Amino acid sequence: MKATLVAGLNRGARTVALALGLPVLLFTAWWVLSADSTTIFLPPLSRIVEAFGQVWFSEVFFRDVLPSLRRLAAGYAAALLVGVGVGYLVGRWSVVRDLTSPILAYFRVLPAPVLIPVLLVAVGIGDATKLIVIASGAVWPILLNTADGVRAVDEVQLDTAAAYRLRAWTRHGLILRAATPQVFAGARQALGISLIVMVVSEMLMSTDGLGFTVIRFQRTFAIPEMWSGVLLLGLLGFGLAKVFELIERRALRWHRGATGREESW
């Protein structure tokens, strides 16, 4: 028991060291190399860290960061619902796939920010426009990976379910569960896309949020504050990715057990 606990602690410490080793090394190099910088556009990291504390540990966090997180969560959730639902239909039935293939091929290559001028005219400058843009950018990895996962389900499983005369909803649940690894692969990609599109939409059509604040600092030549916003966005993306990994590891534990794969994170 004690040996197992020690081995688990050692494995956890090694994982943390591997995850944080390179970022800490780069951060240290940035601190040292920028210490004597006199360029207004590349201030010392010490000034950026000082500005970080002054800006983001204040009412700015509640005024700009929380609205951005709400938009990100709402747009990402909408992309998950639409992507998994439509992706299941496309992957499950060839008729749906043949009918929607030209439309999907067109819209999947259409950059989400291109929709901003159209949505500004049709919907306005409110949060609805930003949510549509975020969801439009994030939905495609989820939809396409879900469709691929559903199509790749073993036919033996489907035949077995039919032989046992399982209910239709039960069969659909089994198919979707078998496609879960692909769904998570698409959802992981969509998370990063959601963050990028959220920032772009706030830079172009918002009066609050992280993107708006960063661009406001840039336009007023508050360069250390601008860099602190960039730093915050990086930390936010890193934190969201790690939270997603924890959720994915727990949700797909059955899959690693079935395939004999060991945890690598």
C-alpha atoms as a PDB file:
ATOM      1  CA  MET A   1       0.000   0.000   0.000  1.00  0.00           C
ATOM      2  CA  LYS A   2       2.767   2.405   0.951  1.00  0.00           C
ATOM      3  CA  ALA A   3       4.805   1.467  -2.125  1.00  0.00           C
ATOM      4  CA  THR A   4       1.766   2.081  -4.353  1.00  0.00           C
ATOM      5  CA  LEU A   5       1.206   5.490  -2.756  1.00  0.00           C
ATOM      6  CA  VAL A   6       4.848   6.473  -3.209  1.00  0.00           C
ATOM      7  CA  ALA A   7       4.790   5.314  -6.829  1.00  0.00           C
ATOM      8  CA  GLY A   8       1.648   7.356  -7.444  1.00  0.00           C
ATOM      9  CA  LEU A   9       3.206  10.456  -5.881  1.00  0.00           C
ATOM     10  CA  ASN A  10       6.362  10.019  -7.939  1.00  0.00           C
ATOM     11  CA  ARG A  11       4.344   9.627 -11.122  1.00  0.00           C
ATOM     12  CA  GLY A  12       2.317  12.743 -10.277  1.00  0.00           C
ATOM     13  CA  ALA A  13       5.445  14.771  -9.529  1.00  0.00           C
ATOM     14  CA  ARG A  14       7.015  13.636 -12.803  1.00  0.00           C
ATOM     15  CA  THR A  15       3.870  14.617 -14.733  1.00  0.00           C
ATOM     16  CA  VAL A  16       3.823  18.074 -13.131  1.00  0.00           C
ATOM     17  CA  ALA A  17       7.536  18.560 -13.811  1.00  0.00           C
ATOM     18  CA  LEU A  18       7.132  17.620 -17.478  1.00  0.00           C
ATOM     19  CA  ALA A  19       4.086  19.884 -17.880  1.00  0.00           C
ATOM     20  CA  LEU A  20       5.626  22.933 -16.207  1.00  0.00           C
ATOM     21  CA  GLY A  21       9.324  22.467 -16.964  1.00  0.00           C
ATOM     22  CA  LEU A  22       9.458  24.110 -20.395  1.00  0.00           C
ATOM     23  CA  PRO A  23       7.042  26.980 -19.550  1.00  0.00           C
ATOM     24  CA  VAL A  24       9.064  27.820 -16.440  1.00  0.00           C
ATOM     25  CA  LEU A  25      12.310  27.702 -18.448  1.00  0.00           C
ATOM     26  CA  LEU A  26      10.876  30.006 -21.140  1.00  0.00           C
ATOM     27  CA  PHE A  27       9.441  32.371 -18.539  1.00  0.00           C
ATOM     28  CA  THR A  28      12.831  32.582 -16.807  1.00  0.00           C
ATOM     29  CA  ALA A  29      14.618  33.232 -20.106  1.00  0.00           C
ATOM     30  CA  TRP A  30      12.081  35.947 -20.988  1.00  0.00           C
ATOM     31  CA  TRP A  31      12.612  37.587 -17.579  1.00  0.00           C
ATOM     32  CA  VAL A  32      16.417  37.605 -17.914  1.00  0.00           C
ATOM     33  CA  LEU A  33      16.628  38.641 -21.575  1.00  0.00           C
ATOM     34  CA  SER A  34      14.092  41.450 -21.225  1.00  0.00           C
ATOM     35  CA  ALA A  35      15.448  42.866 -17.977  1.00  0.00           C
ATOM     36  CA  ASP A  36      17.390  45.694 -19.665  1.00  0.00           C
ATOM     37  CA  SER A  37      14.906  46.351 -22.461  1.00  0.00           C
ATOM     38  CA  THR A  38      14.276  50.011 -23.257  1.00  0.00           C
ATOM     39  CA  THR A  39      11.918  49.380 -26.199  1.00  0.00           C
ATOM     40  CA  ILE A  40       8.419  50.662 -25.494  1.00  0.00           C
ATOM     41  CA  PHE A  41       6.823  47.784 -27.405  1.00  0.00           C
ATOM     42  CA  LEU A  42       8.864  45.099 -25.613  1.00  0.00           C
ATOM     43  CA  PRO A  43       8.933  46.137 -21.930  1.00  0.00           C
ATOM     44  CA  PRO A  44      10.732  44.081 -19.284  1.00  0.00           C
ATOM     45  CA  LEU A  45       8.781  41.108 -18.032  1.00  0.00           C
ATOM     46  CA  SER A  46       8.988  42.532 -14.517  1.00  0.00           C
ATOM     47  CA  ARG A  47       6.861  45.513 -15.633  1.00  0.00           C
ATOM     48  CA  ILE A  48       4.393  43.181 -17.359  1.00  0.00           C
ATOM     49  CA  VAL A  49       4.012  41.098 -14.197  1.00  0.00           C
ATOM     50  CA  GLU A  50       3.526  44.266 -12.150  1.00  0.00           C
ATOM     51  CA  ALA A  51       0.859  45.466 -14.604  1.00  0.00           C
ATOM     52  CA  PHE A  52      -0.746  42.017 -14.493  1.00  0.00           C
ATOM     53  CA  GLY A  53      -1.370  42.316 -10.774  1.00  0.00           C
ATOM     54  CA  GLN A  54      -2.608  45.885 -11.000  1.00  0.00           C
ATOM     55  CA  VAL A  55      -5.014  45.255 -13.886  1.00  0.00           C
ATOM     56  CA  TRP A  56      -6.436  41.796 -13.449  1.00  0.00           C
ATOM     57  CA  PHE A  57      -6.622  41.617  -9.648  1.00  0.00           C
ATOM     58  CA  SER A  58      -9.106  44.469  -9.617  1.00  0.00           C
ATOM     59  CA  GLU A  59     -12.629  45.239 -10.756  1.00  0.00           C
ATOM     60  CA  VAL A  60     -11.427  44.674 -14.339  1.00  0.00           C
ATOM     61  CA  PHE A  61     -11.610  40.938 -13.666  1.00  0.00           C
ATOM     62  CA  PHE A  62     -15.343  41.104 -12.951  1.00  0.00           C
ATOM     63  CA  ARG A  63     -16.020  43.677 -15.679  1.00  0.00           C
ATOM     64  CA  ASP A  64     -14.098  42.032 -18.525  1.00  0.00           C
ATOM     65  CA  VAL A  65     -12.875  38.518 -17.702  1.00  0.00           C
ATOM     66  CA  LEU A  66     -16.134  37.061 -16.378  1.00  0.00           C
ATOM     67  CA  PRO A  67     -18.213  38.228 -19.386  1.00  0.00           C
ATOM     68  CA  SER A  68     -15.633  36.624 -21.691  1.00  0.00           C
ATOM     69  CA  LEU A  69     -15.799  33.344 -19.782  1.00  0.00           C
ATOM     70  CA  ARG A  70     -19.593  33.354 -19.942  1.00  0.00           C
ATOM     71  CA  ARG A  71     -19.535  33.903 -23.703  1.00  0.00           C
ATOM     72  CA  LEU A  72     -16.897  31.219 -24.130  1.00  0.00           C
ATOM     73  CA  ALA A  73     -18.893  28.700 -22.090  1.00  0.00           C
ATOM     74  CA  ALA A  74     -22.190  29.457 -23.842  1.00  0.00           C
ATOM     75  CA  GLY A  75     -20.722  29.363 -27.358  1.00  0.00           C
ATOM     76  CA  TYR A  76     -18.749  26.199 -26.652  1.00  0.00           C
ATOM     77  CA  ALA A  77     -21.795  24.463 -25.145  1.00  0.00           C
ATOM     78  CA  ALA A  78     -23.884  25.371 -28.200  1.00  0.00           C
ATOM     79  CA  ALA A  79     -21.166  24.007 -30.486  1.00  0.00           C
ATOM     80  CA  LEU A  80     -21.093  20.756 -28.500  1.00  0.00           C
ATOM     81  CA  LEU A  81     -24.860  20.266 -28.717  1.00  0.00           C
ATOM     82  CA  VAL A  82     -25.102  21.076 -32.420  1.00  0.00           C
ATOM     83  CA  GLY A  83     -21.873  19.291 -33.363  1.00  0.00           C
ATOM     84  CA  VAL A  84     -22.659  16.035 -31.588  1.00  0.00           C
ATOM     85  CA  GLY A  85     -26.297  16.026 -32.721  1.00  0.00           C
ATOM     86  CA  VAL A  86     -25.706  16.816 -36.391  1.00  0.00           C
ATOM     87  CA  GLY A  87     -22.512  14.754 -36.467  1.00  0.00           C
ATOM     88  CA  TYR A  88     -24.412  11.723 -35.212  1.00  0.00           C
ATOM     89  CA  LEU A  89     -27.060  12.098 -37.924  1.00  0.00           C
ATOM     90  CA  VAL A  90     -24.421  12.574 -40.638  1.00  0.00           C
ATOM     91  CA  GLY A  91     -22.386   9.592 -39.505  1.00  0.00           C
ATOM     92  CA  ARG A  92     -25.305   7.269 -38.852  1.00  0.00           C
ATOM     93  CA  TRP A  93     -27.331   7.606 -42.036  1.00  0.00           C
ATOM     94  CA  SER A  94     -25.790   7.795 -45.514  1.00  0.00           C
ATOM     95  CA  VAL A  95     -28.841   9.662 -46.872  1.00  0.00           C
ATOM     96  CA  VAL A  96     -28.237  12.540 -44.472  1.00  0.00           C
ATOM     97  CA  ARG A  97     -24.533  12.451 -45.277  1.00  0.00           C
ATOM     98  CA  ASP A  98     -25.139  12.652 -49.033  1.00  0.00           C
ATOM     99  CA  LEU A  99     -27.650  15.496 -48.662  1.00  0.00           C
ATOM    100  CA  THR A 100     -25.531  17.617 -46.349  1.00  0.00           C
ATOM    101  CA  SER A 101     -22.087  16.911 -47.800  1.00  0.00           C
ATOM    102  CA  PRO A 102     -21.958  19.918 -50.204  1.00  0.00           C
ATOM    103  CA  ILE A 103     -23.272  22.335 -47.569  1.00  0.00           C
ATOM    104  CA  LEU A 104     -20.894  21.065 -44.894  1.00  0.00           C
ATOM    105  CA  ALA A 105     -17.955  21.186 -47.312  1.00  0.00           C
ATOM    106  CA  TYR A 106     -18.702  24.858 -47.995  1.00  0.00           C
ATOM    107  CA  PHE A 107     -19.303  26.103 -44.458  1.00  0.00           C
ATOM    108  CA  ARG A 108     -16.480  24.140 -42.821  1.00  0.00           C
ATOM    109  CA  VAL A 109     -13.872  26.178 -44.753  1.00  0.00           C
ATOM    110  CA  LEU A 110     -15.619  29.490 -44.101  1.00  0.00           C
ATOM    111  CA  PRO A 111     -13.715  31.383 -41.356  1.00  0.00           C
ATOM    112  CA  ALA A 112     -16.031  32.274 -38.484  1.00  0.00           C
ATOM    113  CA  PRO A 113     -14.871  35.957 -38.311  1.00  0.00           C
ATOM    114  CA  VAL A 114     -16.158  36.412 -41.876  1.00  0.00           C
ATOM    115  CA  LEU A 115     -19.675  36.147 -40.435  1.00  0.00           C
ATOM    116  CA  ILE A 116     -19.156  39.185 -38.189  1.00  0.00           C
ATOM    117  CA  PRO A 117     -20.179  41.892 -40.728  1.00  0.00           C
ATOM    118  CA  VAL A 118     -23.281  39.907 -41.719  1.00  0.00           C
ATOM    119  CA  LEU A 119     -24.278  39.255 -38.118  1.00  0.00           C
ATOM    120  CA  LEU A 120     -23.720  42.887 -37.147  1.00  0.00           C
ATOM    121  CA  VAL A 121     -26.332  43.894 -39.711  1.00  0.00           C
ATOM    122  CA  ALA A 122     -28.727  41.016 -39.020  1.00  0.00           C
ATOM    123  CA  VAL A 123     -28.447  40.607 -35.241  1.00  0.00           C
ATOM    124  CA  GLY A 124     -26.648  43.668 -33.890  1.00  0.00           C
ATOM    125  CA  ILE A 125     -23.627  44.161 -31.638  1.00  0.00           C
ATOM    126  CA  GLY A 126     -24.944  42.293 -28.590  1.00  0.00           C
ATOM    127  CA  ASP A 127     -23.820  39.032 -27.032  1.00  0.00           C
ATOM    128  CA  ALA A 128     -25.955  36.978 -29.427  1.00  0.00           C
ATOM    129  CA  THR A 129     -23.636  37.878 -32.307  1.00  0.00           C
ATOM    130  CA  LYS A 130     -20.547  36.853 -30.362  1.00  0.00           C
ATOM    131  CA  LEU A 131     -22.120  33.561 -29.291  1.00  0.00           C
ATOM    132  CA  ILE A 132     -23.050  32.723 -32.886  1.00  0.00           C
ATOM    133  CA  VAL A 133     -19.519  33.488 -34.067  1.00  0.00           C
ATOM    134  CA  ILE A 134     -17.937  31.369 -31.303  1.00  0.00           C
ATOM    135  CA  ALA A 135     -20.277  28.454 -31.931  1.00  0.00           C
ATOM    136  CA  SER A 136     -19.806  28.716 -35.720  1.00  0.00           C
ATOM    137  CA  GLY A 137     -16.044  28.436 -35.365  1.00  0.00           C
ATOM    138  CA  ALA A 138     -16.046  25.625 -32.797  1.00  0.00           C
ATOM    139  CA  VAL A 139     -18.767  23.375 -34.185  1.00  0.00           C
ATOM    140  CA  TRP A 140     -16.858  21.887 -37.117  1.00  0.00           C
ATOM    141  CA  PRO A 141     -14.185  19.818 -35.334  1.00  0.00           C
ATOM    142  CA  ILE A 142     -16.887  18.364 -33.090  1.00  0.00           C
ATOM    143  CA  LEU A 143     -19.298  17.649 -35.941  1.00  0.00           C
ATOM    144  CA  LEU A 144     -16.727  16.052 -38.253  1.00  0.00           C
ATOM    145  CA  ASN A 145     -15.065  13.959 -35.542  1.00  0.00           C
ATOM    146  CA  THR A 146     -18.444  12.784 -34.249  1.00  0.00           C
ATOM    147  CA  ALA A 147     -19.499  11.754 -37.767  1.00  0.00           C
ATOM    148  CA  ASP A 148     -16.222   9.860 -38.265  1.00  0.00           C
ATOM    149  CA  GLY A 149     -16.572   8.166 -34.882  1.00  0.00           C
ATOM    150  CA  VAL A 150     -20.142   7.051 -35.569  1.00  0.00           C
ATOM    151  CA  ARG A 151     -19.221   5.714 -39.004  1.00  0.00           C
ATOM    152  CA  ALA A 152     -16.312   3.761 -37.519  1.00  0.00           C
ATOM    153  CA  VAL A 153     -18.438   1.866 -34.980  1.00  0.00           C
ATOM    154  CA  ASP A 154     -17.889  -1.877 -35.276  1.00  0.00           C
ATOM    155  CA  GLU A 155     -20.692  -3.528 -37.234  1.00  0.00           C
ATOM    156  CA  VAL A 156     -20.496  -6.528 -34.911  1.00  0.00           C
ATOM    157  CA  GLN A 157     -21.680  -4.327 -32.042  1.00  0.00           C
ATOM    158  CA  LEU A 158     -24.627  -3.126 -34.117  1.00  0.00           C
ATOM    159  CA  ASP A 159     -25.540  -6.669 -35.161  1.00  0.00           C
ATOM    160  CA  THR A 160     -25.304  -7.850 -31.551  1.00  0.00           C
ATOM    161  CA  ALA A 161     -27.572  -5.038 -30.362  1.00  0.00           C
ATOM    162  CA  ALA A 162     -30.077  -5.901 -33.096  1.00  0.00           C
ATOM    163  CA  ALA A 163     -29.926  -9.604 -32.206  1.00  0.00           C
ATOM    164  CA  TYR A 164     -30.780  -8.839 -28.591  1.00  0.00           C
ATOM    165  CA  ARG A 165     -33.610  -6.586 -29.823  1.00  0.00           C
ATOM    166  CA  LEU A 166     -32.455  -3.632 -27.788  1.00  0.00           C
ATOM    167  CA  ARG A 167     -34.586  -0.520 -27.921  1.00  0.00           C
ATOM    168  CA  ALA A 168     -33.742   2.111 -30.478  1.00  0.00           C
ATOM    169  CA  TRP A 169     -32.649   4.661 -27.860  1.00  0.00           C
ATOM    170  CA  THR A 170     -30.398   2.057 -26.248  1.00  0.00           C
ATOM    171  CA  ARG A 171     -28.748   1.295 -29.606  1.00  0.00           C
ATOM    172  CA  HIS A 172     -28.240   4.987 -30.275  1.00  0.00           C
ATOM    173  CA  GLY A 173     -26.650   5.338 -26.837  1.00  0.00           C
ATOM    174  CA  LEU A 174     -24.280   2.447 -27.519  1.00  0.00           C
ATOM    175  CA  ILE A 175     -23.228   3.942 -30.851  1.00  0.00           C
ATOM    176  CA  LEU A 176     -22.625   7.359 -29.337  1.00  0.00           C
ATOM    177  CA  ARG A 177     -20.639   5.836 -26.476  1.00  0.00           C
ATOM    178  CA  ALA A 178     -18.441   3.945 -28.944  1.00  0.00           C
ATOM    179  CA  ALA A 179     -17.822   7.230 -30.788  1.00  0.00           C
ATOM    180  CA  THR A 180     -16.947   9.117 -27.586  1.00  0.00           C
ATOM    181  CA  PRO A 181     -13.143   9.048 -28.128  1.00  0.00           C
ATOM    182  CA  GLN A 182     -13.591  10.791 -31.477  1.00  0.00           C
ATOM    183  CA  VAL A 183     -16.083  13.247 -29.957  1.00  0.00           C
ATOM    184  CA  PHE A 184     -13.550  14.216 -27.292  1.00  0.00           C
ATOM    185  CA  ALA A 185     -10.840  14.636 -29.928  1.00  0.00           C
ATOM    186  CA  GLY A 186     -13.036  17.129 -31.761  1.00  0.00           C
ATOM    187  CA  ALA A 187     -14.100  18.856 -28.541  1.00  0.00           C
ATOM    188  CA  ARG A 188     -10.445  19.356 -27.581  1.00  0.00           C
ATOM    189  CA  GLN A 189      -9.739  21.113 -30.873  1.00  0.00           C
ATOM    190  CA  ALA A 190     -12.932  23.144 -30.583  1.00  0.00           C
ATOM    191  CA  LEU A 191     -11.957  24.468 -27.157  1.00  0.00           C
ATOM    192  CA  GLY A 192      -8.884  26.227 -28.526  1.00  0.00           C
ATOM    193  CA  ILE A 193     -10.823  27.530 -31.516  1.00  0.00           C
ATOM    194  CA  SER A 194     -13.535  28.884 -29.197  1.00  0.00           C
ATOM    195  CA  LEU A 195     -10.983  30.886 -27.226  1.00  0.00           C
ATOM    196  CA  ILE A 196      -9.416  32.346 -30.377  1.00  0.00           C
ATOM    197  CA  VAL A 197     -12.740  33.293 -31.967  1.00  0.00           C
ATOM    198  CA  MET A 198     -13.984  34.765 -28.684  1.00  0.00           C
ATOM    199  CA  VAL A 199     -10.992  37.124 -28.526  1.00  0.00           C
ATOM    200  CA  VAL A 200     -11.344  38.126 -32.191  1.00  0.00           C
ATOM    201  CA  SER A 201     -15.071  38.832 -31.844  1.00  0.00           C
ATOM    202  CA  GLU A 202     -14.499  40.950 -28.738  1.00  0.00           C
ATOM    203  CA  MET A 203     -11.744  42.905 -30.435  1.00  0.00           C
ATOM    204  CA  LEU A 204     -14.007  43.773 -33.360  1.00  0.00           C
ATOM    205  CA  MET A 205     -17.460  44.253 -31.832  1.00  0.00           C
ATOM    206  CA  SER A 206     -17.557  44.601 -28.075  1.00  0.00           C
ATOM    207  CA  THR A 207     -17.420  47.129 -25.294  1.00  0.00           C
ATOM    208  CA  ASP A 208     -16.177  44.684 -22.689  1.00  0.00           C
ATOM    209  CA  GLY A 209     -14.304  41.405 -22.457  1.00  0.00           C
ATOM    210  CA  LEU A 210     -10.698  40.281 -22.672  1.00  0.00           C
ATOM    211  CA  GLY A 211     -10.322  40.966 -26.389  1.00  0.00           C
ATOM    212  CA  PHE A 212     -11.775  44.464 -26.064  1.00  0.00           C
ATOM    213  CA  THR A 213      -9.529  45.272 -23.094  1.00  0.00           C
ATOM    214  CA  VAL A 214      -6.362  44.086 -24.836  1.00  0.00           C
ATOM    215  CA  ILE A 215      -7.107  46.111 -27.956  1.00  0.00           C
ATOM    216  CA  ARG A 216      -7.987  49.165 -25.822  1.00  0.00           C
ATOM    217  CA  PHE A 217      -4.621  48.939 -24.070  1.00  0.00           C
ATOM    218  CA  GLN A 218      -2.902  48.690 -27.456  1.00  0.00           C
ATOM    219  CA  ARG A 219      -4.690  51.745 -28.831  1.00  0.00           C
ATOM    220  CA  THR A 220      -3.856  53.825 -25.756  1.00  0.00           C
ATOM    221  CA  PHE A 221      -0.194  52.677 -25.805  1.00  0.00           C
ATOM    222  CA  ALA A 222      -0.525  50.983 -22.397  1.00  0.00           C
ATOM    223  CA  ILE A 223       1.941  48.365 -23.612  1.00  0.00           C
ATOM    224  CA  PRO A 224       2.747  46.538 -20.324  1.00  0.00           C
ATOM    225  CA  GLU A 225      -0.985  46.259 -19.645  1.00  0.00           C
ATOM    226  CA  MET A 226      -1.529  44.937 -23.181  1.00  0.00           C
ATOM    227  CA  TRP A 227       1.129  42.276 -22.695  1.00  0.00           C
ATOM    228  CA  SER A 228      -0.422  41.359 -19.348  1.00  0.00           C
ATOM    229  CA  GLY A 229      -3.669  40.643 -21.212  1.00  0.00           C
ATOM    230  CA  VAL A 230      -1.816  38.426 -23.672  1.00  0.00           C
ATOM    231  CA  LEU A 231      -0.232  36.621 -20.721  1.00  0.00           C
ATOM    232  CA  LEU A 232      -3.644  36.146 -19.104  1.00  0.00           C
ATOM    233  CA  LEU A 233      -5.082  34.686 -22.308  1.00  0.00           C
ATOM    234  CA  GLY A 234      -2.220  32.203 -22.468  1.00  0.00           C
ATOM    235  CA  LEU A 235      -2.725  31.171 -18.868  1.00  0.00           C
ATOM    236  CA  LEU A 236      -6.464  30.861 -19.451  1.00  0.00           C
ATOM    237  CA  GLY A 237      -5.944  28.631 -22.485  1.00  0.00           C
ATOM    238  CA  PHE A 238      -3.438  26.476 -20.603  1.00  0.00           C
ATOM    239  CA  GLY A 239      -5.764  26.094 -17.622  1.00  0.00           C
ATOM    240  CA  LEU A 240      -8.781  25.210 -19.762  1.00  0.00           C
ATOM    241  CA  ALA A 241      -6.748  22.620 -21.658  1.00  0.00           C
ATOM    242  CA  LYS A 242      -5.631  20.946 -18.428  1.00  0.00           C
ATOM    243  CA  VAL A 243      -9.173  20.907 -17.035  1.00  0.00           C
ATOM    244  CA  PHE A 244     -10.376  19.344 -20.277  1.00  0.00           C
ATOM    245  CA  GLU A 245      -7.655  16.700 -20.051  1.00  0.00           C
ATOM    246  CA  LEU A 246      -8.806  15.737 -16.554  1.00  0.00           C
ATOM    247  CA  ILE A 247     -12.411  15.420 -17.733  1.00  0.00           C
ATOM    248  CA  GLU A 248     -11.376  13.447 -20.805  1.00  0.00           C
ATOM    249  CA  ARG A 249      -9.180  11.102 -18.781  1.00  0.00           C
ATOM    250  CA  ARG A 250     -12.032  10.268 -16.428  1.00  0.00           C
ATOM    251  CA  ALA A 251     -14.675   9.986 -19.155  1.00  0.00           C
ATOM    252  CA  LEU A 252     -12.529   7.733 -21.380  1.00  0.00           C
ATOM    253  CA  ARG A 253     -11.148   5.503 -18.670  1.00  0.00           C
ATOM    254  CA  TRP A 254     -13.212   2.625 -20.063  1.00  0.00           C
ATOM    255  CA  HIS A 255     -11.676   3.158 -23.505  1.00  0.00           C
ATOM    256  CA  ARG A 256      -8.088   2.946 -22.257  1.00  0.00           C
ATOM    257  CA  GLY A 257      -8.986  -0.178 -20.326  1.00  0.00           C
ATOM    258  CA  ALA A 258     -10.559  -1.775 -23.414  1.00  0.00           C
ATOM    259  CA  THR A 259      -7.606  -0.953 -25.660  1.00  0.00           C
ATOM    260  CA  GLY A 260      -4.928  -1.733 -23.096  1.00  0.00           C
ATOM    261  CA  ARG A 261      -3.487   1.776 -23.245  1.00  0.00           C
ATOM    262  CA  GLU A 262      -1.774   3.217 -20.203  1.00  0.00           C
ATOM    263  CA  GLU A 263      -2.385   6.735 -18.987  1.00  0.00           C
ATOM    264  CA  SER A 264       0.230   9.068 -20.380  1.00  0.00           C
ATOM    265  CA  TRP A 265      -0.689  12.295 -18.580  1.00  0.00           C
END
